[in-house]
Protein backbone atom coordinates (compact mmCIF):
# COMPACT_ATOMS: atom_id res chain seq x y z
CA UNK A 1 200.38 -51.19 170.27
CA UNK A 2 198.12 -54.11 170.18
CA UNK A 3 199.94 -57.51 170.90
CA UNK A 4 198.83 -58.75 167.35
CA UNK A 5 200.72 -55.82 165.88
CA UNK A 6 204.11 -57.09 166.80
CA UNK A 7 206.20 -58.21 163.80
CA UNK A 8 205.79 -61.67 162.84
CA UNK A 9 208.32 -64.11 164.18
CA UNK A 10 210.55 -66.32 162.11
CA UNK A 11 209.31 -69.64 160.87
CA UNK A 12 209.27 -72.57 163.50
CA UNK A 13 212.49 -74.30 164.16
CA UNK A 14 213.05 -77.75 165.49
CA UNK A 15 213.47 -76.59 169.04
CA UNK A 16 210.92 -78.07 171.65
CA UNK A 17 207.70 -76.10 171.22
CA UNK A 18 206.46 -75.13 173.81
CA UNK A 19 209.89 -75.10 175.74
CA UNK A 20 210.10 -77.65 178.64
CA UNK A 21 211.35 -80.80 179.98
CA UNK A 22 210.38 -84.26 178.93
CA UNK A 23 207.61 -85.66 180.90
CA UNK A 24 208.84 -87.72 183.75
CA UNK A 25 207.67 -91.49 184.47
CA UNK A 26 205.59 -90.08 187.44
CA UNK A 27 203.86 -87.47 185.48
CA UNK A 28 202.85 -90.08 182.78
CA UNK A 29 201.70 -92.65 185.44
CA UNK A 30 199.52 -89.78 187.08
CA UNK A 31 197.94 -88.86 183.77
CA UNK A 32 197.18 -92.56 183.11
CA UNK A 33 195.68 -93.06 186.40
CA UNK A 34 193.66 -89.95 186.32
CA UNK A 35 192.34 -90.91 182.93
CA UNK A 36 191.09 -94.25 184.45
CA UNK A 37 189.71 -92.66 187.54
CA UNK A 38 188.16 -89.36 186.41
CA UNK A 39 185.10 -88.95 184.28
CA UNK A 40 186.35 -86.23 181.99
CA UNK A 41 182.64 -85.55 181.00
CA UNK A 42 182.98 -82.05 179.26
CA UNK A 43 185.81 -83.49 177.14
CA UNK A 44 183.78 -86.59 176.15
CA UNK A 45 180.97 -84.48 174.80
CA UNK A 46 183.21 -83.28 171.91
CA UNK A 47 181.58 -85.22 169.07
CA UNK A 48 182.89 -83.29 165.96
CA UNK A 49 186.29 -82.46 164.47
CA UNK A 50 185.94 -79.43 161.96
CA UNK A 51 188.87 -78.17 159.87
CA UNK A 52 188.52 -74.67 158.54
CA UNK A 53 190.33 -71.37 158.34
CA UNK A 54 190.33 -68.12 160.40
CA UNK A 55 191.72 -64.75 159.80
CA UNK A 56 192.96 -62.10 162.42
CA UNK A 57 190.46 -59.27 162.91
CA UNK A 58 193.22 -56.62 162.78
CA UNK A 59 195.36 -58.12 160.11
CA UNK A 60 193.58 -60.29 157.75
CA UNK A 61 196.47 -61.09 155.63
CA UNK A 62 197.40 -63.46 158.68
CA UNK A 63 195.34 -66.61 157.75
CA UNK A 64 195.53 -69.96 159.78
CA UNK A 65 194.20 -73.42 159.40
CA UNK A 66 192.15 -74.33 162.55
CA UNK A 67 190.94 -77.48 164.03
CA UNK A 68 187.73 -77.19 166.07
CA UNK A 69 186.73 -79.98 168.49
CA UNK A 70 183.05 -79.20 168.90
CA UNK A 71 180.50 -79.74 171.79
CA UNK A 72 176.94 -78.95 171.16
CA UNK A 73 174.93 -77.89 174.20
CA UNK A 74 171.60 -77.54 172.54
CA UNK A 75 170.22 -76.60 169.20
CA UNK A 76 171.25 -72.89 169.53
CA UNK A 77 174.54 -73.09 170.95
CA UNK A 78 177.89 -74.90 170.46
CA UNK A 79 181.36 -74.43 172.10
CA UNK A 80 184.63 -75.37 170.53
CA UNK A 81 188.04 -75.97 171.65
CA UNK A 82 190.47 -74.75 168.79
CA UNK A 83 193.76 -76.23 168.01
CA UNK A 84 196.49 -75.70 165.37
CA UNK A 85 196.48 -79.14 164.01
CA UNK A 86 194.79 -82.54 164.53
CA UNK A 87 197.96 -84.32 165.80
CA UNK A 88 198.21 -85.58 169.47
CA UNK A 89 200.95 -82.84 170.00
CA UNK A 90 198.54 -79.97 168.83
CA UNK A 91 198.35 -76.60 170.51
CA UNK A 92 195.27 -75.45 172.12
CA UNK A 93 195.08 -71.87 170.58
CA UNK A 94 191.66 -70.65 171.31
CA UNK A 95 188.00 -70.94 171.86
CA UNK A 96 185.01 -70.45 169.57
CA UNK A 97 181.36 -69.98 170.52
CA UNK A 98 178.64 -70.56 167.85
CA UNK A 99 175.21 -69.55 168.37
CA UNK A 100 171.93 -69.60 166.18
CA UNK A 101 170.61 -66.54 164.28
CA UNK A 102 167.86 -66.37 166.85
CA UNK A 103 170.13 -65.88 169.86
CA UNK A 104 172.35 -63.52 167.65
CA UNK A 105 169.55 -61.24 167.01
CA UNK A 106 169.07 -60.79 170.66
CA UNK A 107 172.53 -59.44 171.36
CA UNK A 108 173.31 -55.79 171.74
CA UNK A 109 174.85 -54.14 168.50
CA UNK A 110 178.25 -53.47 170.19
CA UNK A 111 178.37 -57.28 170.96
CA UNK A 112 177.35 -58.28 167.47
CA UNK A 113 180.36 -56.56 165.95
CA UNK A 114 182.58 -59.14 167.63
CA UNK A 115 180.83 -62.02 165.70
CA UNK A 116 181.16 -63.43 162.27
CA UNK A 117 178.87 -65.39 159.86
CA UNK A 118 179.22 -68.91 158.83
CA UNK A 119 177.31 -69.04 155.44
CA UNK A 120 180.03 -68.50 153.06
CA UNK A 121 182.45 -70.87 155.05
CA UNK A 122 179.85 -73.52 154.81
CA UNK A 123 178.77 -72.94 151.24
CA UNK A 124 182.32 -72.60 149.71
CA UNK A 125 183.51 -75.97 151.10
CA UNK A 126 186.21 -74.45 153.38
CA UNK A 127 184.54 -75.76 156.53
CA UNK A 128 184.99 -79.63 156.44
CA UNK A 129 184.56 -82.44 158.69
CA UNK A 130 187.56 -84.55 157.83
CA UNK A 131 187.02 -88.20 157.06
CA UNK A 132 183.20 -87.97 157.49
CA UNK A 133 181.09 -88.47 154.37
CA UNK A 134 179.27 -85.29 153.35
CA UNK A 135 175.77 -87.01 153.51
CA UNK A 136 176.26 -87.67 157.21
CA UNK A 137 176.74 -84.02 158.01
CA UNK A 138 174.52 -82.32 155.45
CA UNK A 139 171.68 -81.59 157.90
CA UNK A 140 174.25 -80.28 160.46
CA UNK A 141 175.81 -78.08 157.76
CA UNK A 142 172.37 -76.57 156.93
CA UNK A 143 171.79 -75.53 160.49
CA UNK A 144 175.31 -74.16 160.77
CA UNK A 145 175.12 -72.05 157.63
CA UNK A 146 172.65 -69.77 159.63
CA UNK A 147 174.94 -69.46 162.67
CA UNK A 148 177.40 -66.94 164.07
CA UNK A 149 180.62 -67.41 165.85
CA UNK A 150 182.99 -65.49 168.23
CA UNK A 151 186.50 -66.82 168.11
CA UNK A 152 189.25 -65.77 170.46
CA UNK A 153 192.86 -66.75 169.53
CA UNK A 154 194.92 -66.91 172.83
CA UNK A 155 198.08 -68.47 171.46
CA UNK A 156 199.41 -67.13 168.17
CA UNK A 157 201.63 -70.21 167.18
CA UNK A 158 201.47 -69.08 163.44
CA UNK A 159 203.83 -66.15 164.12
CA UNK A 160 206.13 -68.39 166.07
CA UNK A 161 205.03 -67.89 169.75
CA UNK A 162 206.37 -70.76 171.84
CA UNK A 163 204.16 -69.73 174.68
CA UNK A 164 200.77 -67.97 174.85
CA UNK A 165 201.71 -64.32 174.64
CA UNK A 166 199.80 -61.07 175.22
CA UNK A 167 196.12 -60.55 175.16
CA UNK A 168 193.69 -62.62 172.94
CA UNK A 169 193.15 -61.84 169.25
CA UNK A 170 189.67 -61.74 167.80
CA UNK A 171 189.28 -63.83 164.67
CA UNK A 172 187.07 -63.64 161.53
CA UNK A 173 185.61 -66.10 159.18
CA UNK A 174 186.50 -66.36 155.52
CA UNK A 175 184.42 -64.32 153.15
CA UNK A 176 183.95 -64.04 149.45
CA UNK A 177 185.33 -60.45 149.15
CA UNK A 178 188.65 -58.77 149.16
CA UNK A 179 190.62 -59.54 152.39
CA UNK A 180 188.28 -62.20 153.38
CA UNK A 181 189.31 -64.68 150.62
CA UNK A 182 191.56 -67.52 152.08
CA UNK A 183 194.77 -67.90 150.37
CA UNK A 184 194.81 -70.66 147.68
CA UNK A 185 197.85 -72.37 148.95
CA UNK A 186 196.34 -72.75 152.35
CA UNK A 187 193.30 -74.38 151.03
CA UNK A 188 195.46 -76.63 148.66
CA UNK A 189 197.69 -77.82 151.61
CA UNK A 190 194.64 -78.62 153.77
CA UNK A 191 192.86 -80.49 150.92
CA UNK A 192 195.92 -82.42 150.10
CA UNK A 193 196.29 -83.60 153.62
CA UNK A 194 192.77 -84.79 153.80
CA UNK A 195 192.57 -86.11 150.12
CA UNK A 196 189.56 -83.89 149.47
CA UNK A 197 188.48 -81.20 147.17
CA UNK A 198 186.93 -77.87 148.39
CA UNK A 199 185.74 -77.10 145.08
CA UNK A 200 183.88 -80.35 144.76
CA UNK A 201 182.41 -79.94 148.25
CA UNK A 202 181.21 -76.41 147.17
CA UNK A 203 179.45 -77.94 144.29
CA UNK A 204 177.78 -80.57 146.41
CA UNK A 205 176.57 -77.92 148.93
CA UNK A 206 174.84 -75.83 146.26
CA UNK A 207 171.52 -77.06 147.68
CA UNK A 208 172.13 -75.79 151.09
CA UNK A 209 169.81 -72.80 151.48
CA UNK A 210 171.36 -69.34 151.98
CA UNK A 211 170.33 -67.55 155.12
CA UNK A 212 167.40 -65.18 154.32
CA UNK A 213 169.41 -62.48 155.97
CA UNK A 214 172.92 -62.00 157.39
CA UNK A 215 172.96 -59.28 160.04
CA UNK A 216 175.39 -56.56 158.94
CA UNK A 217 176.74 -56.05 162.40
CA UNK A 218 178.41 -59.34 162.10
CA UNK A 219 181.60 -59.52 159.78
CA UNK A 220 182.00 -55.75 160.75
CA UNK A 221 184.96 -55.20 158.61
CA UNK A 222 183.12 -55.91 155.45
CA UNK A 223 180.88 -52.70 156.16
CA UNK A 224 183.31 -50.63 157.91
CA UNK A 225 186.78 -51.49 157.03
CA UNK A 226 187.88 -51.92 160.63
CA UNK A 227 188.75 -54.73 162.78
CA UNK A 228 189.26 -55.11 166.57
CA UNK A 229 192.44 -55.57 168.71
CA UNK A 230 192.79 -55.61 172.42
CA UNK A 231 195.10 -53.09 174.28
CA UNK A 232 195.96 -53.98 177.78
CA UNK A 233 195.82 -50.98 180.19
CA UNK A 234 196.50 -50.79 183.94
CA UNK A 235 193.33 -50.12 185.96
CA UNK A 236 192.68 -49.61 189.59
CA UNK A 237 191.60 -52.64 191.49
CA UNK A 238 188.32 -52.58 193.28
CA UNK A 239 189.48 -52.85 196.90
CA UNK A 240 186.12 -52.77 198.43
CA UNK A 241 185.57 -55.90 200.55
CA UNK A 242 182.87 -58.19 199.33
CA UNK A 243 180.95 -58.00 202.72
CA UNK A 244 180.60 -55.32 205.48
């Protein structure tokens, strides 16, 4: 059984999550000192906060709100640390890589199956940059509408896991058809939090061009009705020494 097939846990309680003792004064002082002395260059390159939604590849009834903190390495590649909220206590639940259609077309077909498209997510108003005016991100949205993403969830906090458990789960993007539709109550809750309207954003994004073609290997479930899950299996370790 894949790890994500486990029965969903009960709703979160008010217990500490994750479990652990309160940080000591020494730990706090070390964190403050390190912050002043170290560059933290990779983290400082995160210049966007995106709030959107994701669905588990092997159980698309499980849908979550996600918060991507985005670094653009070049015009064809972005990398995102994904959290379950935008609070200072948010949990790091995974990573998403985003590539241009040009890079995607050069991937092997078996690799393409693990990726999802972003056109619908952008055009529908589900993908938002909280508190940033739409006009300021319009060009970026036009570029992102033609991209593909691969998102691995490493901590399934939505089912109540208090620690990262089991193998990572592959996530899919929202789509306009059947199981790909995001639950209305999830969108309403998000929109209320940021005082926005996804429907209004959808209308304002009408002029964003649709990609000329979305590779059918992406969003694999739409064509084949199947998702992907990781099963861990014991395997022999390579015991050959690295050098003679």
